[in-house]
Amino acid sequence: MKKTILGFALLTALASAALGGETIEVYKSPDCGCCGKWGEIMKKNGFEIVEHKTNAIIETKNKYGVPLELSSCHTGIVGGYAIEGHVPAEEIKALLAAKPADVVGISVPGMPLGSPGMEQGGIVEDYDVIAFKKDGTSEVFASYKNGKKVK
């Protein structure tokens, strides 16, 4: 019986690690509803979410190196990277798997309709996930068109 329980516990731990299992610390305005929707989607994709409601969101973005032009409504921290805005879980997992040393984080600037947590009755905007780097440059990490990943 003990071996069965131990085996189940090990299997559960391995499954959790395979699904993500990382904790995202999310900093958001106390009044933001879409941030909570994004967090729920991240939970469904295997991440744990710890919310920090703050009115000092600009200061938080500055602390974690998020460029103003790439900012959005919430900032997440996971695995040493900043996750800005409504970034799909797939891209967070790709970032954590690649572990690029020159990247500060990834962002979906603004709040594009149809991005995770920004679903609005079938309206879908195209958007890019942008990687921002330690040297101040940025590049497209992934692109979404009509709700589908194209890069």
N, C-alpha and C. Protein backbone atom coordinates (compact mmCIF):
# COMPACT_ATOMS: atom_id res chain seq x y z
N MET A 1 0.83 -1.20 0.00
CA MET A 1 0.00 0.00 0.00
C MET A 1 0.87 1.26 0.00
N LYS A 2 1.93 1.24 0.85
CA LYS A 2 2.82 2.41 0.92
C LYS A 2 3.52 2.64 -0.41
N LYS A 3 3.89 1.55 -1.11
CA LYS A 3 4.54 1.68 -2.41
C LYS A 3 3.58 2.29 -3.43
N THR A 4 2.31 1.92 -3.36
CA THR A 4 1.31 2.47 -4.27
C THR A 4 1.14 3.96 -4.03
N ILE A 5 1.05 4.37 -2.78
CA ILE A 5 0.90 5.79 -2.45
C ILE A 5 2.14 6.56 -2.87
N LEU A 6 3.32 6.01 -2.60
CA LEU A 6 4.57 6.67 -2.99
C LEU A 6 4.65 6.79 -4.51
N GLY A 7 4.26 5.72 -5.22
CA GLY A 7 4.27 5.74 -6.68
C GLY A 7 3.32 6.79 -7.23
N PHE A 8 2.14 6.88 -6.63
CA PHE A 8 1.16 7.88 -7.06
C PHE A 8 1.69 9.29 -6.81
N ALA A 9 2.30 9.51 -5.66
CA ALA A 9 2.86 10.83 -5.33
C ALA A 9 3.95 11.22 -6.32
N LEU A 10 4.81 10.27 -6.69
CA LEU A 10 5.87 10.53 -7.65
C LEU A 10 5.28 10.83 -9.02
N LEU A 11 4.29 10.07 -9.45
CA LEU A 11 3.64 10.29 -10.73
C LEU A 11 2.98 11.66 -10.77
N THR A 12 2.31 12.05 -9.70
CA THR A 12 1.68 13.36 -9.61
C THR A 12 2.71 14.47 -9.72
N ALA A 13 3.84 14.32 -9.04
CA ALA A 13 4.90 15.33 -9.09
C ALA A 13 5.47 15.44 -10.49
N LEU A 14 5.69 14.31 -11.16
CA LEU A 14 6.22 14.34 -12.52
C LEU A 14 5.23 14.97 -13.49
N ALA A 15 3.95 14.65 -13.34
CA ALA A 15 2.92 15.24 -14.20
C ALA A 15 2.85 16.74 -13.99
N SER A 16 2.95 17.18 -12.76
CA SER A 16 2.92 18.61 -12.46
C SER A 16 4.10 19.31 -13.11
N ALA A 17 5.28 18.71 -13.04
CA ALA A 17 6.47 19.30 -13.65
C ALA A 17 6.32 19.37 -15.16
N ALA A 18 5.74 18.33 -15.76
CA ALA A 18 5.56 18.31 -17.20
C ALA A 18 4.58 19.36 -17.67
N LEU A 19 3.58 19.67 -16.86
CA LEU A 19 2.58 20.66 -17.24
C LEU A 19 3.03 22.10 -17.00
N GLY A 20 4.09 22.29 -16.33
CA GLY A 20 4.55 23.63 -16.00
C GLY A 20 4.96 23.64 -14.55
N GLY A 21 3.98 23.63 -13.66
CA GLY A 21 4.26 23.55 -12.24
C GLY A 21 4.97 24.75 -11.66
N GLU A 22 5.33 25.70 -12.47
CA GLU A 22 6.02 26.90 -12.01
C GLU A 22 5.00 27.86 -11.40
N THR A 23 5.48 28.67 -10.48
CA THR A 23 4.63 29.70 -9.88
C THR A 23 4.88 31.03 -10.57
N ILE A 24 3.81 31.67 -11.01
CA ILE A 24 3.89 33.02 -11.58
C ILE A 24 3.40 33.99 -10.52
N GLU A 25 4.27 34.91 -10.12
CA GLU A 25 3.90 35.99 -9.21
C GLU A 25 3.31 37.10 -10.08
N VAL A 26 2.03 37.40 -9.91
CA VAL A 26 1.34 38.36 -10.77
C VAL A 26 1.07 39.65 -9.99
N TYR A 27 1.55 40.76 -10.54
CA TYR A 27 1.34 42.09 -9.96
C TYR A 27 0.32 42.81 -10.83
N LYS A 28 -0.79 43.23 -10.19
CA LYS A 28 -1.88 43.84 -10.95
C LYS A 28 -2.60 44.89 -10.13
N SER A 29 -3.32 45.73 -10.82
CA SER A 29 -4.17 46.72 -10.16
C SER A 29 -5.30 45.99 -9.43
N PRO A 30 -5.71 46.49 -8.28
CA PRO A 30 -6.82 45.85 -7.55
C PRO A 30 -8.12 45.81 -8.35
N ASP A 31 -8.26 46.67 -9.35
CA ASP A 31 -9.52 46.79 -10.09
C ASP A 31 -9.54 46.04 -11.42
N CYS A 32 -8.45 45.38 -11.79
CA CYS A 32 -8.36 44.76 -13.12
C CYS A 32 -9.01 43.38 -13.13
N GLY A 33 -10.02 43.20 -13.97
CA GLY A 33 -10.71 41.92 -14.09
C GLY A 33 -10.07 40.98 -15.10
N CYS A 34 -9.54 41.54 -16.18
CA CYS A 34 -8.97 40.68 -17.22
C CYS A 34 -7.71 39.97 -16.73
N CYS A 35 -7.01 40.57 -15.78
CA CYS A 35 -5.80 39.94 -15.22
C CYS A 35 -6.16 38.64 -14.51
N GLY A 36 -7.29 38.64 -13.82
CA GLY A 36 -7.75 37.43 -13.14
C GLY A 36 -8.12 36.35 -14.14
N LYS A 37 -8.72 36.76 -15.26
CA LYS A 37 -9.07 35.79 -16.31
C LYS A 37 -7.81 35.15 -16.88
N TRP A 38 -6.77 35.98 -17.10
CA TRP A 38 -5.49 35.46 -17.60
C TRP A 38 -4.91 34.47 -16.59
N GLY A 39 -4.96 34.81 -15.32
CA GLY A 39 -4.45 33.93 -14.27
C GLY A 39 -5.15 32.58 -14.26
N GLU A 40 -6.46 32.58 -14.46
CA GLU A 40 -7.21 31.33 -14.50
C GLU A 40 -6.77 30.46 -15.68
N ILE A 41 -6.51 31.10 -16.81
CA ILE A 41 -6.03 30.36 -17.99
C ILE A 41 -4.66 29.77 -17.70
N MET A 42 -3.81 30.51 -17.02
CA MET A 42 -2.47 30.00 -16.68
C MET A 42 -2.58 28.80 -15.74
N LYS A 43 -3.52 28.86 -14.80
CA LYS A 43 -3.73 27.72 -13.88
C LYS A 43 -4.14 26.48 -14.67
N LYS A 44 -5.03 26.66 -15.65
CA LYS A 44 -5.48 25.53 -16.47
C LYS A 44 -4.33 24.94 -17.29
N ASN A 45 -3.27 25.72 -17.47
CA ASN A 45 -2.10 25.28 -18.22
C ASN A 45 -0.96 24.83 -17.32
N GLY A 46 -1.26 24.57 -16.05
CA GLY A 46 -0.29 23.97 -15.16
C GLY A 46 0.52 24.91 -14.29
N PHE A 47 0.29 26.20 -14.40
CA PHE A 47 1.02 27.16 -13.57
C PHE A 47 0.27 27.41 -12.27
N GLU A 48 1.02 27.73 -11.24
CA GLU A 48 0.42 28.23 -10.00
C GLU A 48 0.48 29.75 -10.09
N ILE A 49 -0.53 30.41 -9.55
CA ILE A 49 -0.61 31.87 -9.60
C ILE A 49 -0.67 32.42 -8.18
N VAL A 50 0.18 33.41 -7.91
CA VAL A 50 0.11 34.16 -6.66
C VAL A 50 -0.11 35.61 -7.06
N GLU A 51 -1.27 36.16 -6.70
CA GLU A 51 -1.62 37.54 -7.06
C GLU A 51 -1.17 38.53 -6.01
N HIS A 52 -0.63 39.64 -6.49
CA HIS A 52 -0.26 40.77 -5.63
C HIS A 52 -1.01 41.98 -6.18
N LYS A 53 -2.00 42.46 -5.46
CA LYS A 53 -2.74 43.65 -5.89
C LYS A 53 -1.98 44.87 -5.41
N THR A 54 -1.72 45.78 -6.36
CA THR A 54 -0.93 46.96 -6.03
C THR A 54 -1.39 48.16 -6.86
N ASN A 55 -1.29 49.33 -6.26
CA ASN A 55 -1.53 50.57 -7.00
C ASN A 55 -0.23 51.12 -7.56
N ALA A 56 0.89 50.46 -7.26
CA ALA A 56 2.21 50.90 -7.72
C ALA A 56 2.66 50.03 -8.89
N ILE A 57 1.78 49.85 -9.87
CA ILE A 57 2.08 48.94 -10.97
C ILE A 57 3.21 49.46 -11.86
N ILE A 58 3.31 50.76 -12.06
CA ILE A 58 4.40 51.32 -12.88
C ILE A 58 5.74 51.06 -12.20
N GLU A 59 5.79 51.24 -10.90
CA GLU A 59 7.02 50.98 -10.14
C GLU A 59 7.41 49.51 -10.24
N THR A 60 6.42 48.63 -10.23
CA THR A 60 6.67 47.19 -10.35
C THR A 60 7.27 46.88 -11.71
N LYS A 61 6.71 47.46 -12.77
CA LYS A 61 7.23 47.24 -14.12
C LYS A 61 8.68 47.74 -14.22
N ASN A 62 8.94 48.90 -13.65
CA ASN A 62 10.31 49.44 -13.65
C ASN A 62 11.26 48.51 -12.91
N LYS A 63 10.83 48.02 -11.77
CA LYS A 63 11.67 47.13 -10.95
C LYS A 63 12.09 45.89 -11.73
N TYR A 64 11.20 45.35 -12.54
CA TYR A 64 11.48 44.12 -13.27
C TYR A 64 11.93 44.35 -14.72
N GLY A 65 12.21 45.60 -15.08
CA GLY A 65 12.81 45.90 -16.38
C GLY A 65 11.89 45.86 -17.57
N VAL A 66 10.60 46.09 -17.36
CA VAL A 66 9.65 46.09 -18.47
C VAL A 66 9.67 47.46 -19.14
N PRO A 67 10.04 47.51 -20.44
CA PRO A 67 10.05 48.80 -21.14
C PRO A 67 8.64 49.39 -21.24
N LEU A 68 8.54 50.69 -21.08
CA LEU A 68 7.24 51.38 -21.11
C LEU A 68 6.46 51.06 -22.38
N GLU A 69 7.14 51.04 -23.52
CA GLU A 69 6.45 50.80 -24.79
C GLU A 69 5.93 49.37 -24.94
N LEU A 70 6.37 48.47 -24.07
CA LEU A 70 5.90 47.08 -24.12
C LEU A 70 4.97 46.74 -22.95
N SER A 71 4.56 47.76 -22.21
CA SER A 71 3.78 47.50 -21.01
C SER A 71 2.32 47.15 -21.32
N SER A 72 1.70 46.52 -20.34
CA SER A 72 0.31 46.12 -20.43
C SER A 72 -0.29 46.27 -19.04
N CYS A 73 -1.35 45.54 -18.75
CA CYS A 73 -2.09 45.74 -17.51
C CYS A 73 -1.52 45.02 -16.29
N HIS A 74 -0.77 43.94 -16.49
CA HIS A 74 -0.22 43.22 -15.34
C HIS A 74 1.18 42.70 -15.68
N THR A 75 1.94 42.44 -14.64
CA THR A 75 3.31 41.93 -14.78
C THR A 75 3.43 40.65 -13.97
N GLY A 76 3.93 39.61 -14.60
CA GLY A 76 4.18 38.35 -13.91
C GLY A 76 5.67 38.08 -13.85
N ILE A 77 6.09 37.38 -12.82
CA ILE A 77 7.48 36.97 -12.69
C ILE A 77 7.50 35.46 -12.51
N VAL A 78 8.26 34.78 -13.36
CA VAL A 78 8.38 33.32 -13.28
C VAL A 78 9.76 32.90 -13.80
N GLY A 79 10.42 32.06 -13.05
CA GLY A 79 11.71 31.54 -13.48
C GLY A 79 12.75 32.62 -13.73
N GLY A 80 12.60 33.77 -13.08
CA GLY A 80 13.54 34.86 -13.28
C GLY A 80 13.23 35.76 -14.47
N TYR A 81 12.11 35.51 -15.15
CA TYR A 81 11.71 36.31 -16.31
C TYR A 81 10.46 37.13 -16.00
N ALA A 82 10.36 38.29 -16.65
CA ALA A 82 9.15 39.11 -16.57
C ALA A 82 8.19 38.66 -17.67
N ILE A 83 6.93 38.53 -17.32
CA ILE A 83 5.87 38.18 -18.27
C ILE A 83 4.89 39.35 -18.23
N GLU A 84 4.83 40.11 -19.32
CA GLU A 84 4.05 41.34 -19.33
C GLU A 84 2.79 41.18 -20.16
N GLY A 85 1.65 41.33 -19.51
CA GLY A 85 0.38 41.30 -20.22
C GLY A 85 -0.14 39.90 -20.51
N HIS A 86 -0.96 39.82 -21.54
CA HIS A 86 -1.73 38.61 -21.84
C HIS A 86 -0.96 37.62 -22.71
N VAL A 87 0.19 37.19 -22.22
CA VAL A 87 1.05 36.25 -22.93
C VAL A 87 0.45 34.84 -22.85
N PRO A 88 0.37 34.13 -23.98
CA PRO A 88 -0.13 32.76 -23.95
C PRO A 88 0.78 31.83 -23.14
N ALA A 89 0.19 30.86 -22.48
CA ALA A 89 0.94 29.89 -21.67
C ALA A 89 1.99 29.16 -22.51
N GLU A 90 1.67 28.86 -23.74
CA GLU A 90 2.60 28.17 -24.64
C GLU A 90 3.91 28.94 -24.76
N GLU A 91 3.83 30.27 -24.82
CA GLU A 91 5.04 31.08 -24.98
C GLU A 91 5.83 31.16 -23.68
N ILE A 92 5.13 31.18 -22.56
CA ILE A 92 5.83 31.18 -21.26
C ILE A 92 6.58 29.87 -21.10
N LYS A 93 5.95 28.76 -21.45
CA LYS A 93 6.60 27.46 -21.36
C LYS A 93 7.81 27.39 -22.29
N ALA A 94 7.68 27.95 -23.50
CA ALA A 94 8.81 27.96 -24.44
C ALA A 94 9.97 28.78 -23.89
N LEU A 95 9.66 29.93 -23.29
CA LEU A 95 10.70 30.77 -22.69
C LEU A 95 11.41 30.02 -21.57
N LEU A 96 10.65 29.40 -20.69
CA LEU A 96 11.23 28.68 -19.56
C LEU A 96 12.05 27.47 -20.02
N ALA A 97 11.65 26.84 -21.11
CA ALA A 97 12.41 25.70 -21.64
C ALA A 97 13.72 26.15 -22.28
N ALA A 98 13.67 27.28 -23.00
CA ALA A 98 14.86 27.78 -23.70
C ALA A 98 15.85 28.46 -22.76
N LYS A 99 15.34 29.12 -21.73
CA LYS A 99 16.16 29.84 -20.75
C LYS A 99 17.20 30.77 -21.40
N PRO A 100 16.78 31.66 -22.30
CA PRO A 100 17.77 32.55 -22.93
C PRO A 100 18.39 33.51 -21.92
N ALA A 101 19.70 33.55 -21.87
CA ALA A 101 20.41 34.37 -20.88
C ALA A 101 20.29 35.86 -21.15
N ASP A 102 20.05 36.24 -22.41
CA ASP A 102 20.02 37.66 -22.76
C ASP A 102 18.62 38.28 -22.68
N VAL A 103 17.61 37.49 -22.33
CA VAL A 103 16.22 37.98 -22.31
C VAL A 103 15.79 38.32 -20.88
N VAL A 104 15.18 39.51 -20.75
CA VAL A 104 14.60 39.94 -19.47
C VAL A 104 13.21 39.35 -19.32
N GLY A 105 12.46 39.34 -20.43
CA GLY A 105 11.10 38.82 -20.38
C GLY A 105 10.42 38.87 -21.72
N ILE A 106 9.12 38.53 -21.71
CA ILE A 106 8.31 38.59 -22.92
C ILE A 106 7.03 39.35 -22.62
N SER A 107 6.49 39.97 -23.68
CA SER A 107 5.33 40.85 -23.51
C SER A 107 4.35 40.72 -24.66
N VAL A 108 3.08 40.87 -24.33
CA VAL A 108 2.05 41.15 -25.32
C VAL A 108 1.61 42.58 -25.00
N PRO A 109 2.19 43.56 -25.71
CA PRO A 109 1.89 44.97 -25.40
C PRO A 109 0.41 45.31 -25.58
N GLY A 110 -0.06 46.22 -24.77
CA GLY A 110 -1.46 46.61 -24.83
C GLY A 110 -2.33 45.48 -24.31
N MET A 111 -3.51 45.42 -24.79
CA MET A 111 -4.45 44.39 -24.35
C MET A 111 -5.24 43.91 -25.57
N PRO A 112 -4.58 43.19 -26.51
CA PRO A 112 -5.27 42.81 -27.74
C PRO A 112 -6.44 41.86 -27.50
N LEU A 113 -7.55 42.16 -28.11
CA LEU A 113 -8.73 41.31 -28.00
C LEU A 113 -8.42 39.93 -28.58
N GLY A 114 -8.85 38.91 -27.87
CA GLY A 114 -8.62 37.54 -28.30
C GLY A 114 -7.39 36.91 -27.70
N SER A 115 -6.53 37.72 -27.06
CA SER A 115 -5.38 37.14 -26.36
C SER A 115 -5.91 36.52 -25.06
N PRO A 116 -5.14 35.63 -24.41
CA PRO A 116 -5.64 34.95 -23.21
C PRO A 116 -6.13 35.93 -22.12
N GLY A 117 -7.39 35.78 -21.75
CA GLY A 117 -8.00 36.66 -20.76
C GLY A 117 -8.70 37.86 -21.36
N MET A 118 -8.52 38.08 -22.65
CA MET A 118 -9.13 39.23 -23.33
C MET A 118 -10.15 38.79 -24.38
N GLU A 119 -10.78 37.66 -24.15
CA GLU A 119 -11.78 37.16 -25.08
C GLU A 119 -13.02 38.06 -25.01
N GLN A 120 -13.48 38.51 -26.17
CA GLN A 120 -14.61 39.44 -26.25
C GLN A 120 -15.55 39.05 -27.37
N GLY A 121 -16.38 38.06 -27.14
CA GLY A 121 -17.42 37.70 -28.10
C GLY A 121 -16.93 37.37 -29.49
N GLY A 122 -15.82 36.71 -29.62
CA GLY A 122 -15.34 36.29 -30.93
C GLY A 122 -14.48 37.30 -31.66
N ILE A 123 -14.32 38.50 -31.12
CA ILE A 123 -13.44 39.49 -31.75
C ILE A 123 -12.00 39.10 -31.44
N VAL A 124 -11.19 38.96 -32.49
CA VAL A 124 -9.81 38.54 -32.31
C VAL A 124 -8.89 39.48 -33.08
N GLU A 125 -7.95 40.08 -32.37
CA GLU A 125 -6.94 40.94 -33.01
C GLU A 125 -5.64 40.15 -33.17
N ASP A 126 -4.89 40.48 -34.21
CA ASP A 126 -3.57 39.90 -34.38
C ASP A 126 -2.63 40.55 -33.37
N TYR A 127 -1.65 39.79 -32.90
CA TYR A 127 -0.67 40.36 -31.96
C TYR A 127 0.63 39.58 -31.98
N ASP A 128 1.67 40.23 -31.51
CA ASP A 128 2.98 39.61 -31.37
C ASP A 128 3.32 39.48 -29.90
N VAL A 129 4.08 38.44 -29.60
CA VAL A 129 4.71 38.29 -28.29
C VAL A 129 6.14 38.78 -28.50
N ILE A 130 6.54 39.78 -27.74
CA ILE A 130 7.85 40.42 -27.92
C ILE A 130 8.79 40.01 -26.79
N ALA A 131 10.00 39.59 -27.16
CA ALA A 131 11.05 39.33 -26.17
C ALA A 131 11.84 40.62 -25.99
N PHE A 132 12.00 41.05 -24.74
CA PHE A 132 12.83 42.24 -24.49
C PHE A 132 14.09 41.80 -23.76
N LYS A 133 15.20 42.40 -24.20
CA LYS A 133 16.51 41.90 -23.80
C LYS A 133 17.25 42.83 -22.86
N LYS A 134 18.30 42.28 -22.26
CA LYS A 134 19.12 43.02 -21.31
C LYS A 134 19.83 44.20 -21.96
N ASP A 135 20.13 44.11 -23.26
CA ASP A 135 20.83 45.20 -23.95
C ASP A 135 19.88 46.29 -24.43
N GLY A 136 18.59 46.18 -24.11
CA GLY A 136 17.61 47.20 -24.48
C GLY A 136 16.91 46.94 -25.81
N THR A 137 17.32 45.92 -26.53
CA THR A 137 16.67 45.61 -27.80
C THR A 137 15.49 44.67 -27.55
N SER A 138 14.70 44.49 -28.60
CA SER A 138 13.57 43.56 -28.52
C SER A 138 13.39 42.89 -29.87
N GLU A 139 12.70 41.76 -29.86
CA GLU A 139 12.43 41.05 -31.10
C GLU A 139 11.14 40.24 -30.94
N VAL A 140 10.56 39.88 -32.07
CA VAL A 140 9.33 39.08 -32.05
C VAL A 140 9.69 37.66 -31.60
N PHE A 141 9.03 37.21 -30.56
CA PHE A 141 9.21 35.87 -30.00
C PHE A 141 8.21 34.91 -30.63
N ALA A 142 6.99 35.40 -30.88
CA ALA A 142 5.92 34.61 -31.50
C ALA A 142 4.89 35.57 -32.08
N SER A 143 4.13 35.11 -33.06
CA SER A 143 3.07 35.93 -33.67
C SER A 143 1.78 35.13 -33.74
N TYR A 144 0.68 35.84 -33.50
CA TYR A 144 -0.66 35.25 -33.55
C TYR A 144 -1.51 36.03 -34.54
N LYS A 145 -2.13 35.30 -35.48
CA LYS A 145 -3.02 35.89 -36.48
C LYS A 145 -4.35 35.13 -36.41
N ASN A 146 -5.43 35.87 -36.33
CA ASN A 146 -6.76 35.25 -36.25
C ASN A 146 -6.84 34.21 -35.13
N GLY A 147 -6.15 34.48 -34.03
CA GLY A 147 -6.20 33.61 -32.87
C GLY A 147 -5.30 32.38 -32.94
N LYS A 148 -4.54 32.24 -34.01
CA LYS A 148 -3.67 31.08 -34.19
C LYS A 148 -2.21 31.51 -34.26
N LYS A 149 -1.34 30.68 -33.68
CA LYS A 149 0.09 30.96 -33.73
C LYS A 149 0.60 30.74 -35.15
N VAL A 150 1.33 31.74 -35.68
CA VAL A 150 1.90 31.61 -37.03
C VAL A 150 3.43 31.64 -37.00
N LYS A 151 4.00 32.04 -35.88
CA LYS A 151 5.47 32.03 -35.74
C LYS A 151 5.82 31.72 -34.31
